[in-house]
């Protein structure tokens, strides 16, 4: 997130209007709705989790136990259960 002084980017009239509501405080302005991307899409984290979860489901369907999966993936039993028993899209 980049810090920008409002008086450097906003027209004076708009700045005065904003100051009626918030004067001298920091304010976060979110990106426009169309500019948003999902969590982990840019970094590849979402894809890695989907691959890991798919591998867990595959191993479970081949007979691996929940305990074996917890040792292999370093996750709790409850987390493993949520992943392997979840309905896939």
N, C-alpha and C. Protein backbone atom coordinates (compact mmCIF):
# COMPACT_ATOMS: atom_id res chain seq x y z
N UNK A 1 0.84 -1.16 0.00
CA UNK A 1 0.00 0.00 0.00
C UNK A 1 0.89 1.23 0.00
N UNK A 2 0.58 2.16 -0.85
CA UNK A 2 1.40 3.35 -1.02
C UNK A 2 0.76 4.53 -0.28
N UNK A 3 1.56 5.31 0.42
CA UNK A 3 1.10 6.49 1.14
C UNK A 3 1.22 7.69 0.21
N UNK A 4 0.14 8.44 0.06
CA UNK A 4 0.12 9.62 -0.80
C UNK A 4 -0.57 10.76 -0.06
N UNK A 5 -0.01 11.95 -0.10
CA UNK A 5 -0.64 13.11 0.54
C UNK A 5 -1.85 13.54 -0.29
N UNK A 6 -2.98 13.69 0.38
CA UNK A 6 -4.24 14.01 -0.30
C UNK A 6 -4.14 15.34 -1.05
N UNK A 7 -3.47 16.34 -0.47
CA UNK A 7 -3.40 17.64 -1.13
C UNK A 7 -2.57 17.62 -2.41
N UNK A 8 -1.84 16.52 -2.62
CA UNK A 8 -1.04 16.40 -3.83
C UNK A 8 -1.82 15.73 -4.97
N UNK A 9 -2.91 15.02 -4.64
CA UNK A 9 -3.63 14.29 -5.69
C UNK A 9 -5.09 14.68 -5.84
N UNK A 10 -5.70 15.25 -4.81
CA UNK A 10 -7.11 15.61 -4.90
C UNK A 10 -7.30 17.07 -5.26
N UNK A 11 -8.32 17.37 -6.02
CA UNK A 11 -8.64 18.77 -6.29
C UNK A 11 -8.99 19.47 -4.96
N UNK A 12 -8.71 20.75 -4.88
CA UNK A 12 -8.89 21.49 -3.63
C UNK A 12 -10.33 21.39 -3.10
N UNK A 13 -11.30 21.50 -3.97
CA UNK A 13 -12.69 21.44 -3.54
C UNK A 13 -13.03 20.06 -2.94
N UNK A 14 -12.56 19.01 -3.56
CA UNK A 14 -12.80 17.66 -3.05
C UNK A 14 -12.09 17.46 -1.71
N UNK A 15 -10.87 17.98 -1.60
CA UNK A 15 -10.12 17.87 -0.35
C UNK A 15 -10.88 18.56 0.79
N UNK A 16 -11.41 19.73 0.55
CA UNK A 16 -12.18 20.44 1.58
C UNK A 16 -13.42 19.63 1.97
N UNK A 17 -14.04 18.99 1.00
CA UNK A 17 -15.23 18.18 1.29
C UNK A 17 -14.85 16.96 2.15
N UNK A 18 -13.75 16.30 1.84
CA UNK A 18 -13.29 15.17 2.64
C UNK A 18 -12.94 15.62 4.05
N UNK A 19 -12.34 16.80 4.18
CA UNK A 19 -11.94 17.31 5.49
C UNK A 19 -13.14 17.58 6.40
N UNK A 20 -14.32 17.74 5.85
CA UNK A 20 -15.53 17.90 6.67
C UNK A 20 -15.80 16.63 7.46
N UNK A 21 -15.43 15.48 6.90
CA UNK A 21 -15.69 14.19 7.52
C UNK A 21 -14.50 13.65 8.29
N UNK A 22 -13.32 13.88 7.76
CA UNK A 22 -12.08 13.37 8.36
C UNK A 22 -11.02 14.43 8.21
N UNK A 23 -10.59 15.02 9.31
CA UNK A 23 -9.60 16.08 9.24
C UNK A 23 -8.34 15.67 9.97
N UNK A 24 -7.24 15.55 9.24
CA UNK A 24 -5.94 15.25 9.84
C UNK A 24 -5.72 13.80 10.23
N UNK A 25 -6.48 12.88 9.66
CA UNK A 25 -6.30 11.47 9.97
C UNK A 25 -5.97 10.72 8.69
N UNK A 26 -5.41 9.51 8.85
CA UNK A 26 -5.12 8.68 7.68
C UNK A 26 -6.38 7.96 7.26
N UNK A 27 -6.53 7.77 5.96
CA UNK A 27 -7.70 7.10 5.43
C UNK A 27 -7.25 6.13 4.34
N UNK A 28 -7.82 4.93 4.36
CA UNK A 28 -7.53 3.93 3.35
C UNK A 28 -8.58 4.03 2.25
N UNK A 29 -8.14 4.09 1.00
CA UNK A 29 -9.04 4.11 -0.14
C UNK A 29 -8.84 2.81 -0.90
N UNK A 30 -9.84 1.91 -0.87
CA UNK A 30 -9.67 0.61 -1.54
C UNK A 30 -9.66 0.77 -3.06
N UNK A 31 -9.10 -0.23 -3.71
CA UNK A 31 -9.10 -0.25 -5.17
C UNK A 31 -10.53 -0.37 -5.68
N UNK A 32 -10.73 0.03 -6.91
CA UNK A 32 -12.04 -0.13 -7.53
C UNK A 32 -12.38 -1.61 -7.61
N UNK A 33 -13.64 -1.94 -7.56
CA UNK A 33 -14.08 -3.34 -7.50
C UNK A 33 -13.51 -4.16 -8.66
N UNK A 34 -13.44 -3.63 -9.84
CA UNK A 34 -12.95 -4.37 -11.00
C UNK A 34 -11.46 -4.63 -10.97
N UNK A 35 -10.71 -3.89 -10.14
CA UNK A 35 -9.26 -4.03 -10.07
C UNK A 35 -8.80 -5.10 -9.09
N UNK A 36 -9.72 -5.65 -8.32
CA UNK A 36 -9.34 -6.61 -7.29
C UNK A 36 -9.06 -7.98 -7.88
N UNK A 37 -8.04 -8.62 -7.32
CA UNK A 37 -7.77 -10.01 -7.67
C UNK A 37 -7.87 -10.83 -6.39
N UNK A 38 -8.15 -12.08 -6.51
CA UNK A 38 -8.34 -12.94 -5.35
C UNK A 38 -7.06 -13.19 -4.58
N UNK A 39 -7.24 -13.66 -3.33
CA UNK A 39 -6.11 -13.97 -2.48
C UNK A 39 -5.27 -15.06 -3.12
N UNK A 40 -3.96 -14.86 -3.14
CA UNK A 40 -3.03 -15.87 -3.60
C UNK A 40 -2.93 -16.06 -5.09
N UNK A 41 -3.70 -15.30 -5.86
CA UNK A 41 -3.67 -15.46 -7.32
C UNK A 41 -2.35 -14.95 -7.88
N UNK A 42 -1.95 -13.77 -7.46
CA UNK A 42 -0.74 -13.16 -8.00
C UNK A 42 0.52 -13.90 -7.56
N UNK A 43 0.57 -14.33 -6.30
CA UNK A 43 1.77 -14.97 -5.76
C UNK A 43 1.85 -16.46 -6.10
N UNK A 44 0.73 -17.05 -6.49
CA UNK A 44 0.71 -18.47 -6.77
C UNK A 44 0.38 -19.32 -5.55
N UNK A 45 0.13 -18.68 -4.41
CA UNK A 45 -0.18 -19.40 -3.18
C UNK A 45 -1.45 -20.21 -3.28
N UNK A 46 -2.46 -19.67 -3.91
CA UNK A 46 -3.73 -20.38 -4.05
C UNK A 46 -3.53 -21.66 -4.86
N UNK A 47 -2.77 -21.57 -5.94
CA UNK A 47 -2.54 -22.74 -6.79
C UNK A 47 -1.76 -23.82 -6.03
N UNK A 48 -0.77 -23.41 -5.22
CA UNK A 48 -0.01 -24.39 -4.43
C UNK A 48 -0.90 -25.10 -3.42
N UNK A 49 -1.80 -24.35 -2.77
CA UNK A 49 -2.71 -24.98 -1.81
C UNK A 49 -3.67 -25.93 -2.51
N UNK A 50 -4.16 -25.56 -3.67
CA UNK A 50 -5.06 -26.45 -4.42
C UNK A 50 -4.34 -27.74 -4.82
N UNK A 51 -3.08 -27.62 -5.21
CA UNK A 51 -2.30 -28.81 -5.57
C UNK A 51 -2.07 -29.69 -4.34
N UNK A 52 -1.71 -29.07 -3.22
CA UNK A 52 -1.48 -29.82 -1.99
C UNK A 52 -2.76 -30.53 -1.55
N UNK A 53 -3.88 -29.81 -1.57
CA UNK A 53 -5.15 -30.40 -1.16
C UNK A 53 -5.56 -31.53 -2.10
N UNK A 54 -5.31 -31.36 -3.38
CA UNK A 54 -5.61 -32.41 -4.34
C UNK A 54 -4.77 -33.66 -4.07
N UNK A 55 -3.51 -33.43 -3.73
CA UNK A 55 -2.63 -34.56 -3.41
C UNK A 55 -3.13 -35.28 -2.16
N UNK A 56 -3.58 -34.51 -1.16
CA UNK A 56 -4.13 -35.13 0.05
C UNK A 56 -5.36 -35.97 -0.25
N UNK A 57 -6.26 -35.43 -1.06
CA UNK A 57 -7.47 -36.18 -1.42
C UNK A 57 -7.12 -37.47 -2.17
N UNK A 58 -6.15 -37.38 -3.05
CA UNK A 58 -5.73 -38.55 -3.83
C UNK A 58 -5.14 -39.62 -2.91
N UNK A 59 -4.25 -39.21 -2.03
CA UNK A 59 -3.65 -40.17 -1.09
C UNK A 59 -4.71 -40.79 -0.19
N UNK A 60 -5.66 -39.97 0.25
CA UNK A 60 -6.73 -40.48 1.12
C UNK A 60 -7.59 -41.50 0.38
N UNK A 61 -7.88 -41.20 -0.89
CA UNK A 61 -8.70 -42.13 -1.68
C UNK A 61 -7.94 -43.44 -1.96
N UNK A 62 -6.61 -43.39 -1.91
CA UNK A 62 -5.79 -44.58 -2.12
C UNK A 62 -5.55 -45.36 -0.83
N UNK A 63 -6.14 -44.87 0.29
CA UNK A 63 -6.05 -45.63 1.53
C UNK A 63 -5.20 -45.03 2.63
N UNK A 64 -4.60 -43.89 2.41
CA UNK A 64 -3.81 -43.26 3.48
C UNK A 64 -4.74 -42.84 4.61
N UNK A 65 -4.28 -42.98 5.83
CA UNK A 65 -5.10 -42.60 6.99
C UNK A 65 -4.93 -41.11 7.28
N UNK A 66 -5.86 -40.59 8.07
CA UNK A 66 -5.79 -39.18 8.48
C UNK A 66 -4.48 -38.93 9.24
N UNK A 67 -4.10 -39.86 10.10
CA UNK A 67 -2.87 -39.72 10.88
C UNK A 67 -1.64 -39.66 9.98
N UNK A 68 -1.62 -40.50 8.95
CA UNK A 68 -0.49 -40.48 8.01
C UNK A 68 -0.42 -39.14 7.28
N UNK A 69 -1.58 -38.60 6.92
CA UNK A 69 -1.60 -37.32 6.22
C UNK A 69 -1.18 -36.17 7.14
N UNK A 70 -1.55 -36.24 8.42
CA UNK A 70 -1.12 -35.18 9.35
C UNK A 70 0.40 -35.17 9.49
N UNK A 71 1.01 -36.33 9.51
CA UNK A 71 2.47 -36.40 9.62
C UNK A 71 3.15 -35.92 8.34
N UNK A 72 2.55 -36.24 7.22
CA UNK A 72 3.17 -35.87 5.95
C UNK A 72 3.02 -34.38 5.63
N UNK A 73 1.85 -33.80 5.92
CA UNK A 73 1.58 -32.41 5.54
C UNK A 73 1.67 -31.43 6.70
N UNK A 74 1.95 -31.92 7.92
CA UNK A 74 2.11 -31.07 9.10
C UNK A 74 0.87 -30.21 9.37
N UNK A 75 -0.31 -30.83 9.26
CA UNK A 75 -1.56 -30.16 9.56
C UNK A 75 -2.30 -30.95 10.63
N UNK A 76 -3.25 -30.29 11.30
CA UNK A 76 -4.02 -30.98 12.34
C UNK A 76 -5.00 -31.97 11.71
N UNK A 77 -5.46 -32.91 12.53
CA UNK A 77 -6.44 -33.90 12.06
C UNK A 77 -7.70 -33.21 11.55
N UNK A 78 -8.16 -32.21 12.28
CA UNK A 78 -9.39 -31.50 11.87
C UNK A 78 -9.22 -30.83 10.51
N UNK A 79 -8.06 -30.23 10.27
CA UNK A 79 -7.82 -29.58 8.98
C UNK A 79 -7.78 -30.60 7.86
N UNK A 80 -7.12 -31.72 8.09
CA UNK A 80 -7.06 -32.78 7.08
C UNK A 80 -8.47 -33.28 6.77
N UNK A 81 -9.28 -33.49 7.81
CA UNK A 81 -10.65 -33.97 7.60
C UNK A 81 -11.45 -32.99 6.76
N UNK A 82 -11.30 -31.69 7.04
CA UNK A 82 -12.04 -30.68 6.27
C UNK A 82 -11.66 -30.75 4.80
N UNK A 83 -10.40 -31.00 4.53
CA UNK A 83 -9.93 -31.03 3.15
C UNK A 83 -10.39 -32.30 2.44
N UNK A 84 -10.18 -33.47 3.06
CA UNK A 84 -10.48 -34.72 2.35
C UNK A 84 -11.97 -35.03 2.29
N UNK A 85 -12.76 -34.52 3.22
CA UNK A 85 -14.19 -34.79 3.21
C UNK A 85 -14.99 -33.70 2.50
N UNK A 86 -14.35 -32.60 2.12
CA UNK A 86 -15.05 -31.50 1.46
C UNK A 86 -15.50 -31.93 0.06
N UNK A 87 -16.65 -31.42 -0.31
CA UNK A 87 -17.12 -31.67 -1.68
C UNK A 87 -16.30 -30.81 -2.62
N UNK A 88 -15.77 -31.40 -3.66
CA UNK A 88 -14.97 -30.66 -4.63
C UNK A 88 -15.87 -30.13 -5.73
N UNK A 89 -15.42 -29.04 -6.33
CA UNK A 89 -16.19 -28.39 -7.40
C UNK A 89 -16.07 -29.13 -8.69
